[in-house]
Amino acid sequence: MKNFSDLKGVNDKILKIKQLLIELEAEAKQFPALEKNSKRALASIKMLELNISDILAFDLADS
């Protein structure tokens, strides 16, 4: 990833967002729309993980 130097920082932000959404979903049991939209947002975060986090996990970044 020659054009993006801070993949670790981006990965950290993705993981923070994921954790916040998981907490929000767990607390939203009495608010169905919030629970449903949290699940949708988690699906998008999963795509970000596949794009960024896996690059770091498998050490595919051009250091």
C-alpha atoms as a PDB file:
ATOM      1  CA  MET A   1       0.000   0.000   0.000  1.00  0.00           C
ATOM      2  CA  LYS A   2       2.460   2.590  -1.191  1.00  0.00           C
ATOM      3  CA  ASN A   3      -0.134   5.375  -1.325  1.00  0.00           C
ATOM      4  CA  PHE A   4      -1.309   4.987   2.251  1.00  0.00           C
ATOM      5  CA  SER A   5       1.333   5.155   4.937  1.00  0.00           C
ATOM      6  CA  ASP A   6      -0.717   4.747   8.124  1.00  0.00           C
ATOM      7  CA  LEU A   7      -2.598   1.459   7.709  1.00  0.00           C
ATOM      8  CA  LYS A   8      -2.069   0.648  11.382  1.00  0.00           C
ATOM      9  CA  GLY A   9      -3.825   3.865  12.404  1.00  0.00           C
ATOM     10  CA  VAL A  10      -6.715   3.184  10.030  1.00  0.00           C
ATOM     11  CA  ASN A  11      -6.990  -0.366  11.362  1.00  0.00           C
ATOM     12  CA  ASP A  12      -7.119   0.923  14.938  1.00  0.00           C
ATOM     13  CA  LYS A  13      -9.969   3.270  14.007  1.00  0.00           C
ATOM     14  CA  ILE A  14     -11.874   0.463  12.279  1.00  0.00           C
ATOM     15  CA  LEU A  15     -11.558  -1.718  15.373  1.00  0.00           C
ATOM     16  CA  LYS A  16     -12.733   1.147  17.633  1.00  0.00           C
ATOM     17  CA  ILE A  17     -15.785   1.727  15.452  1.00  0.00           C
ATOM     18  CA  LYS A  18     -16.523  -2.002  15.463  1.00  0.00           C
ATOM     19  CA  GLN A  19     -16.333  -2.175  19.249  1.00  0.00           C
ATOM     20  CA  LEU A  20     -18.609   0.854  19.662  1.00  0.00           C
ATOM     21  CA  LEU A  21     -21.169  -0.629  17.262  1.00  0.00           C
ATOM     22  CA  ILE A  22     -21.130  -3.950  19.104  1.00  0.00           C
ATOM     23  CA  GLU A  23     -21.786  -2.117  22.375  1.00  0.00           C
ATOM     24  CA  LEU A  24     -24.515  -0.006  20.781  1.00  0.00           C
ATOM     25  CA  GLU A  25     -26.212  -3.079  19.328  1.00  0.00           C
ATOM     26  CA  ALA A  26     -26.128  -4.841  22.700  1.00  0.00           C
ATOM     27  CA  GLU A  27     -27.703  -1.841  24.435  1.00  0.00           C
ATOM     28  CA  ALA A  28     -30.365  -1.311  21.754  1.00  0.00           C
ATOM     29  CA  LYS A  29     -32.609  -4.280  22.520  1.00  0.00           C
ATOM     30  CA  GLN A  30     -35.507  -1.943  23.398  1.00  0.00           C
ATOM     31  CA  PHE A  31     -34.971   0.147  20.254  1.00  0.00           C
ATOM     32  CA  PRO A  32     -35.374  -2.157  17.220  1.00  0.00           C
ATOM     33  CA  ALA A  33     -34.391   0.426  14.583  1.00  0.00           C
ATOM     34  CA  LEU A  34     -31.145   1.167  16.386  1.00  0.00           C
ATOM     35  CA  GLU A  35     -30.370  -2.524  16.762  1.00  0.00           C
ATOM     36  CA  LYS A  36     -31.093  -3.197  13.093  1.00  0.00           C
ATOM     37  CA  ASN A  37     -29.040  -0.249  11.852  1.00  0.00           C
ATOM     38  CA  SER A  38     -26.154  -1.194  14.146  1.00  0.00           C
ATOM     39  CA  LYS A  39     -26.109  -4.628  12.513  1.00  0.00           C
ATOM     40  CA  ARG A  40     -26.057  -2.995   9.080  1.00  0.00           C
ATOM     41  CA  ALA A  41     -23.204  -0.731  10.101  1.00  0.00           C
ATOM     42  CA  LEU A  42     -21.301  -3.766  11.427  1.00  0.00           C
ATOM     43  CA  ALA A  43     -21.640  -5.377   7.997  1.00  0.00           C
ATOM     44  CA  SER A  44     -19.987  -2.317   6.457  1.00  0.00           C
ATOM     45  CA  ILE A  45     -17.260  -2.393   9.070  1.00  0.00           C
ATOM     46  CA  LYS A  46     -16.647  -6.038   8.162  1.00  0.00           C
ATOM     47  CA  MET A  47     -15.932  -4.935   4.592  1.00  0.00           C
ATOM     48  CA  LEU A  48     -13.444  -2.377   5.905  1.00  0.00           C
ATOM     49  CA  GLU A  49     -11.807  -5.114   7.949  1.00  0.00           C
ATOM     50  CA  LEU A  50     -11.497  -7.278   4.876  1.00  0.00           C
ATOM     51  CA  ASN A  51      -9.940  -4.361   2.997  1.00  0.00           C
ATOM     52  CA  ILE A  52      -7.550  -3.052   5.640  1.00  0.00           C
ATOM     53  CA  SER A  53      -7.242  -5.289   8.678  1.00  0.00           C
ATOM     54  CA  ASP A  54      -6.511  -8.413   6.658  1.00  0.00           C
ATOM     55  CA  ILE A  55      -3.707  -6.624   4.826  1.00  0.00           C
ATOM     56  CA  LEU A  56      -2.056  -6.031   8.188  1.00  0.00           C
ATOM     57  CA  ALA A  57      -2.891  -9.471   9.568  1.00  0.00           C
ATOM     58  CA  PHE A  58      -1.249 -11.206   6.655  1.00  0.00           C
ATOM     59  CA  ASP A  59       1.560  -8.641   6.395  1.00  0.00           C
ATOM     60  CA  LEU A  60       0.698  -7.742   2.798  1.00  0.00           C
ATOM     61  CA  ALA A  61       1.443  -4.026   3.134  1.00  0.00           C
ATOM     62  CA  ASP A  62       4.412  -2.613   1.275  1.00  0.00           C
ATOM     63  CA  SER A  63       6.331  -1.284   4.255  1.00  0.00           C
END
